[in-house]
Amino acid sequence: RFCAAPVQWSRKVVADGHVKAVIL
């Protein structure tokens, strides 16, 4: 329940089924 900021961001990114790049 305390998911990190990048998780919150990436959930929105992946929601449409498209990802061009991942920065880690």
PDB file of all heavy atoms in Angstrom:
ATOM      1  N   ARG A   1       0.812  -1.218   0.000  1.00  0.00           N
ATOM      2  CA  ARG A   1       0.000   0.000   0.000  1.00  0.00           C
ATOM      3  C   ARG A   1       0.847   1.270   0.000  1.00  0.00           C
ATOM      4  O   ARG A   1       0.354   2.349  -0.311  1.00  0.00           O
ATOM      5  CB  ARG A   1      -0.947  -0.018   1.203  1.00  0.00           C
ATOM      6  CG  ARG A   1      -2.032  -1.100   1.068  1.00  0.00           C
ATOM      7  CD  ARG A   1      -2.793  -1.298   2.351  1.00  0.00           C
ATOM      8  NE  ARG A   1      -3.540  -0.102   2.729  1.00  0.00           N
ATOM      9  CZ  ARG A   1      -4.187   0.012   3.891  1.00  0.00           C
ATOM     10  NH1 ARG A   1      -4.156  -0.983   4.771  1.00  0.00           N
ATOM     11  NH2 ARG A   1      -4.853   1.124   4.161  1.00  0.00           N
ATOM     12  N   PHE A   2       2.128   1.141   0.336  1.00  0.00           N
ATOM     13  CA  PHE A   2       3.046   2.275   0.269  1.00  0.00           C
ATOM     14  C   PHE A   2       3.881   2.179  -1.009  1.00  0.00           C
ATOM     15  O   PHE A   2       5.102   2.325  -0.975  1.00  0.00           O
ATOM     16  CB  PHE A   2       3.953   2.312   1.500  1.00  0.00           C
ATOM     17  CG  PHE A   2       3.240   2.720   2.756  1.00  0.00           C
ATOM     18  CD1 PHE A   2       2.714   1.766   3.619  1.00  0.00           C
ATOM     19  CD2 PHE A   2       3.069   4.056   3.083  1.00  0.00           C
ATOM     20  CE1 PHE A   2       2.045   2.120   4.773  1.00  0.00           C
ATOM     21  CE2 PHE A   2       2.407   4.433   4.244  1.00  0.00           C
ATOM     22  CZ  PHE A   2       1.890   3.464   5.092  1.00  0.00           C
ATOM     23  N   CYS A   3       3.221   1.923  -2.136  1.00  0.00           N
ATOM     24  CA  CYS A   3       3.966   1.729  -3.374  1.00  0.00           C
ATOM     25  C   CYS A   3       4.713   3.006  -3.747  1.00  0.00           C
ATOM     26  O   CYS A   3       4.239   4.127  -3.545  1.00  0.00           O
ATOM     27  CB  CYS A   3       3.042   1.283  -4.504  1.00  0.00           C
ATOM     28  SG  CYS A   3       1.804   2.476  -5.004  1.00  0.00           S
ATOM     29  N   ALA A   4       5.896   2.808  -4.295  1.00  0.00           N
ATOM     30  CA  ALA A   4       6.807   3.912  -4.585  1.00  0.00           C
ATOM     31  C   ALA A   4       6.329   4.772  -5.745  1.00  0.00           C
ATOM     32  O   ALA A   4       5.503   4.356  -6.566  1.00  0.00           O
ATOM     33  CB  ALA A   4       8.191   3.352  -4.891  1.00  0.00           C
ATOM     34  N   ALA A   5       6.892   5.978  -5.831  1.00  0.00           N
ATOM     35  CA  ALA A   5       6.544   6.915  -6.896  1.00  0.00           C
ATOM     36  C   ALA A   5       6.732   6.322  -8.288  1.00  0.00           C
ATOM     37  O   ALA A   5       5.847   6.477  -9.147  1.00  0.00           O
ATOM     38  CB  ALA A   5       7.364   8.198  -6.742  1.00  0.00           C
ATOM     39  N   PRO A   6       7.852   5.638  -8.567  1.00  0.00           N
ATOM     40  CA  PRO A   6       7.992   5.066  -9.909  1.00  0.00           C
ATOM     41  C   PRO A   6       6.942   4.010 -10.226  1.00  0.00           C
ATOM     42  O   PRO A   6       6.552   3.852 -11.396  1.00  0.00           O
ATOM     43  CB  PRO A   6       9.412   4.463  -9.893  1.00  0.00           C
ATOM     44  CG  PRO A   6       9.785   4.355  -8.458  1.00  0.00           C
ATOM     45  CD  PRO A   6       9.078   5.468  -7.771  1.00  0.00           C
ATOM     46  N   VAL A   7       6.461   3.292  -9.219  1.00  0.00           N
ATOM     47  CA  VAL A   7       5.391   2.319  -9.442  1.00  0.00           C
ATOM     48  C   VAL A   7       4.101   3.057  -9.814  1.00  0.00           C
ATOM     49  O   VAL A   7       3.392   2.668 -10.757  1.00  0.00           O
ATOM     50  CB  VAL A   7       5.169   1.439  -8.195  1.00  0.00           C
ATOM     51  CG1 VAL A   7       3.919   0.578  -8.348  1.00  0.00           C
ATOM     52  CG2 VAL A   7       6.390   0.559  -7.950  1.00  0.00           C
ATOM     53  N   GLN A   8       3.806   4.110  -9.093  1.00  0.00           N
ATOM     54  CA  GLN A   8       2.611   4.895  -9.400  1.00  0.00           C
ATOM     55  C   GLN A   8       2.675   5.443 -10.829  1.00  0.00           C
ATOM     56  O   GLN A   8       1.679   5.416 -11.569  1.00  0.00           O
ATOM     57  CB  GLN A   8       2.483   6.046  -8.405  1.00  0.00           C
ATOM     58  CG  GLN A   8       2.280   5.604  -6.955  1.00  0.00           C
ATOM     59  CD  GLN A   8       2.353   6.782  -5.999  1.00  0.00           C
ATOM     60  OE1 GLN A   8       1.866   7.869  -6.279  1.00  0.00           O
ATOM     61  NE2 GLN A   8       2.979   6.576  -4.842  1.00  0.00           N
ATOM     62  N   TRP A   9       3.846   5.934 -11.223  1.00  0.00           N
ATOM     63  CA  TRP A   9       4.011   6.468 -12.569  1.00  0.00           C
ATOM     64  C   TRP A   9       3.874   5.367 -13.621  1.00  0.00           C
ATOM     65  O   TRP A   9       3.128   5.498 -14.599  1.00  0.00           O
ATOM     66  CB  TRP A   9       5.375   7.147 -12.707  1.00  0.00           C
ATOM     67  CG  TRP A   9       5.693   7.530 -14.135  1.00  0.00           C
ATOM     68  CD1 TRP A   9       6.425   6.814 -15.037  1.00  0.00           C
ATOM     69  CD2 TRP A   9       5.232   8.682 -14.835  1.00  0.00           C
ATOM     70  NE1 TRP A   9       6.468   7.452 -16.251  1.00  0.00           N
ATOM     71  CE2 TRP A   9       5.740   8.603 -16.152  1.00  0.00           C
ATOM     72  CE3 TRP A   9       4.447   9.781 -14.476  1.00  0.00           C
ATOM     73  CZ2 TRP A   9       5.485   9.584 -17.108  1.00  0.00           C
ATOM     74  CZ3 TRP A   9       4.188  10.757 -15.440  1.00  0.00           C
ATOM     75  CH2 TRP A   9       4.707  10.656 -16.733  1.00  0.00           C
ATOM     76  N   SER A  10       4.582   4.257 -13.402  1.00  0.00           N
ATOM     77  CA  SER A  10       4.629   3.198 -14.414  1.00  0.00           C
ATOM     78  C   SER A  10       3.298   2.491 -14.578  1.00  0.00           C
ATOM     79  O   SER A  10       2.972   2.017 -15.670  1.00  0.00           O
ATOM     80  CB  SER A  10       5.737   2.197 -14.069  1.00  0.00           C
ATOM     81  OG  SER A  10       7.006   2.824 -14.123  1.00  0.00           O
ATOM     82  N   ARG A  11       2.503   2.409 -13.506  1.00  0.00           N
ATOM     83  CA  ARG A  11       1.163   1.828 -13.643  1.00  0.00           C
ATOM     84  C   ARG A  11       0.351   2.588 -14.690  1.00  0.00           C
ATOM     85  O   ARG A  11      -0.367   1.997 -15.504  1.00  0.00           O
ATOM     86  CB  ARG A  11       0.437   1.869 -12.300  1.00  0.00           C
ATOM     87  CG  ARG A  11       0.717   0.682 -11.404  1.00  0.00           C
ATOM     88  CD  ARG A  11      -0.087   0.765 -10.135  1.00  0.00           C
ATOM     89  NE  ARG A  11       0.114  -0.400  -9.296  1.00  0.00           N
ATOM     90  CZ  ARG A  11       0.060  -0.389  -7.978  1.00  0.00           C
ATOM     91  NH1 ARG A  11      -0.175   0.749  -7.329  1.00  0.00           N
ATOM     92  NH2 ARG A  11       0.239  -1.494  -7.290  1.00  0.00           N
ATOM     93  N   LYS A  12       0.450   3.907 -14.652  1.00  0.00           N
ATOM     94  CA  LYS A  12      -0.279   4.726 -15.616  1.00  0.00           C
ATOM     95  C   LYS A  12       0.275   4.531 -17.026  1.00  0.00           C
ATOM     96  O   LYS A  12      -0.485   4.479 -18.005  1.00  0.00           O
ATOM     97  CB  LYS A  12      -0.197   6.200 -15.211  1.00  0.00           C
ATOM     98  CG  LYS A  12      -0.918   6.521 -13.906  1.00  0.00           C
ATOM     99  CD  LYS A  12      -0.807   8.001 -13.561  1.00  0.00           C
ATOM    100  CE  LYS A  12      -1.536   8.336 -12.266  1.00  0.00           C
ATOM    101  NZ  LYS A  12      -1.419   9.782 -11.913  1.00  0.00           N
ATOM    102  N   VAL A  13       1.596   4.408 -17.121  1.00  0.00           N
ATOM    103  CA  VAL A  13       2.236   4.243 -18.426  1.00  0.00           C
ATOM    104  C   VAL A  13       1.797   2.950 -19.100  1.00  0.00           C
ATOM    105  O   VAL A  13       1.458   2.920 -20.290  1.00  0.00           O
ATOM    106  CB  VAL A  13       3.777   4.279 -18.273  1.00  0.00           C
ATOM    107  CG1 VAL A  13       4.458   3.811 -19.562  1.00  0.00           C
ATOM    108  CG2 VAL A  13       4.237   5.683 -17.904  1.00  0.00           C
ATOM    109  N   VAL A  14       1.793   1.855 -18.335  1.00  0.00           N
ATOM    110  CA  VAL A  14       1.523   0.537 -18.903  1.00  0.00           C
ATOM    111  C   VAL A  14       0.030   0.294 -19.143  1.00  0.00           C
ATOM    112  O   VAL A  14      -0.347  -0.624 -19.875  1.00  0.00           O
ATOM    113  CB  VAL A  14       2.103  -0.566 -17.986  1.00  0.00           C
ATOM    114  CG1 VAL A  14       1.886  -1.949 -18.576  1.00  0.00           C
ATOM    115  CG2 VAL A  14       3.588  -0.338 -17.766  1.00  0.00           C
ATOM    116  N   ALA A  15      -0.807   1.138 -18.581  1.00  0.00           N
ATOM    117  CA  ALA A  15      -2.264   0.913 -18.642  1.00  0.00           C
ATOM    118  C   ALA A  15      -2.787   0.762 -20.061  1.00  0.00           C
ATOM    119  O   ALA A  15      -3.753   0.021 -20.297  1.00  0.00           O
ATOM    120  CB  ALA A  15      -2.988   2.048 -17.932  1.00  0.00           C
ATOM    121  N   ASP A  16      -2.166   1.428 -21.031  1.00  0.00           N
ATOM    122  CA  ASP A  16      -2.656   1.331 -22.409  1.00  0.00           C
ATOM    123  C   ASP A  16      -1.959   0.235 -23.208  1.00  0.00           C
ATOM    124  O   ASP A  16      -2.193   0.075 -24.407  1.00  0.00           O
ATOM    125  CB  ASP A  16      -2.515   2.672 -23.132  1.00  0.00           C
ATOM    126  CG  ASP A  16      -1.066   3.097 -23.374  1.00  0.00           C
ATOM    127  OD1 ASP A  16      -0.146   2.391 -22.888  1.00  0.00           O
ATOM    128  OD2 ASP A  16      -0.844   4.120 -24.043  1.00  0.00           O
ATOM    129  N   GLY A  17      -1.078  -0.535 -22.544  1.00  0.00           N
ATOM    130  CA  GLY A  17      -0.421  -1.654 -23.212  1.00  0.00           C
ATOM    131  C   GLY A  17       0.729  -1.293 -24.111  1.00  0.00           C
ATOM    132  O   GLY A  17       1.153  -2.101 -24.950  1.00  0.00           O
ATOM    133  N   HIS A  18       1.291  -0.082 -23.924  1.00  0.00           N
ATOM    134  CA  HIS A  18       2.405   0.357 -24.770  1.00  0.00           C
ATOM    135  C   HIS A  18       3.520   0.941 -23.908  1.00  0.00           C
ATOM    136  O   HIS A  18       3.266   1.792 -23.051  1.00  0.00           O
ATOM    137  CB  HIS A  18       1.947   1.410 -25.778  1.00  0.00           C
ATOM    138  CG  HIS A  18       0.923   0.909 -26.748  1.00  0.00           C
ATOM    139  ND1 HIS A  18       1.249   0.169 -27.865  1.00  0.00           N
ATOM    140  CD2 HIS A  18      -0.434   1.018 -26.737  1.00  0.00           C
ATOM    141  CE1 HIS A  18       0.138  -0.143 -28.511  1.00  0.00           C
ATOM    142  NE2 HIS A  18      -0.890   0.355 -27.855  1.00  0.00           N
ATOM    143  N   VAL A  19       4.751   0.490 -24.147  1.00  0.00           N
ATOM    144  CA  VAL A  19       5.932   1.049 -23.482  1.00  0.00           C
ATOM    145  C   VAL A  19       7.063   1.113 -24.501  1.00  0.00           C
ATOM    146  O   VAL A  19       7.397   0.108 -25.134  1.00  0.00           O
ATOM    147  CB  VAL A  19       6.370   0.199 -22.267  1.00  0.00           C
ATOM    148  CG1 VAL A  19       7.727   0.667 -21.741  1.00  0.00           C
ATOM    149  CG2 VAL A  19       5.336   0.263 -21.157  1.00  0.00           C
ATOM    150  N   LYS A  20       7.652   2.285 -24.640  1.00  0.00           N
ATOM    151  CA  LYS A  20       8.762   2.488 -25.563  1.00  0.00           C
ATOM    152  C   LYS A  20      10.105   2.252 -24.885  1.00  0.00           C
ATOM    153  O   LYS A  20      11.057   1.770 -25.514  1.00  0.00           O
ATOM    154  CB  LYS A  20       8.702   3.920 -26.126  1.00  0.00           C
ATOM    155  CG  LYS A  20       9.872   4.322 -27.001  1.00  0.00           C
ATOM    156  CD  LYS A  20       9.932   3.526 -28.291  1.00  0.00           C
ATOM    157  CE  LYS A  20      11.058   4.038 -29.201  1.00  0.00           C
ATOM    158  NZ  LYS A  20      11.220   3.183 -30.400  1.00  0.00           N
ATOM    159  N   ALA A  21      10.186   2.597 -23.615  1.00  0.00           N
ATOM    160  CA  ALA A  21      11.471   2.481 -22.913  1.00  0.00           C
ATOM    161  C   ALA A  21      11.248   2.336 -21.419  1.00  0.00           C
ATOM    162  O   ALA A  21      10.188   2.702 -20.890  1.00  0.00           O
ATOM    163  CB  ALA A  21      12.343   3.707 -23.192  1.00  0.00           C
ATOM    164  N   VAL A  22      12.260   1.795 -20.744  1.00  0.00           N
ATOM    165  CA  VAL A  22      12.258   1.676 -19.291  1.00  0.00           C
ATOM    166  C   VAL A  22      13.570   2.241 -18.769  1.00  0.00           C
ATOM    167  O   VAL A  22      14.647   1.845 -19.227  1.00  0.00           O
ATOM    168  CB  VAL A  22      12.141   0.204 -18.829  1.00  0.00           C
ATOM    169  CG1 VAL A  22      11.954   0.151 -17.317  1.00  0.00           C
ATOM    170  CG2 VAL A  22      11.029  -0.513 -19.548  1.00  0.00           C
ATOM    171  N   ILE A  23      13.482   3.154 -17.830  1.00  0.00           N
ATOM    172  CA  ILE A  23      14.664   3.704 -17.178  1.00  0.00           C
ATOM    173  C   ILE A  23      14.667   3.202 -15.732  1.00  0.00           C
ATOM    174  O   ILE A  23      13.650   3.284 -15.038  1.00  0.00           O
ATOM    175  CB  ILE A  23      14.696   5.250 -17.246  1.00  0.00           C
ATOM    176  CG1 ILE A  23      15.986   5.811 -16.667  1.00  0.00           C
ATOM    177  CG2 ILE A  23      13.467   5.879 -16.612  1.00  0.00           C
ATOM    178  CD1 ILE A  23      17.185   5.685 -17.564  1.00  0.00           C
ATOM    179  N   LEU A  24      15.785   2.633 -15.300  1.00  0.00           N
ATOM    180  CA  LEU A  24      15.864   2.017 -13.982  1.00  0.00           C
ATOM    181  C   LEU A  24      17.078   2.536 -13.225  1.00  0.00           C
ATOM    182  O   LEU A  24      18.147   2.732 -13.813  1.00  0.00           O
ATOM    183  CB  LEU A  24      15.978   0.488 -14.089  1.00  0.00           C
ATOM    184  CG  LEU A  24      15.025  -0.263 -15.019  1.00  0.00           C
ATOM    185  CD1 LEU A  24      15.642  -0.454 -16.404  1.00  0.00           C
ATOM    186  CD2 LEU A  24      14.664  -1.622 -14.444  1.00  0.00           C
TER     187      LEU A  24
END
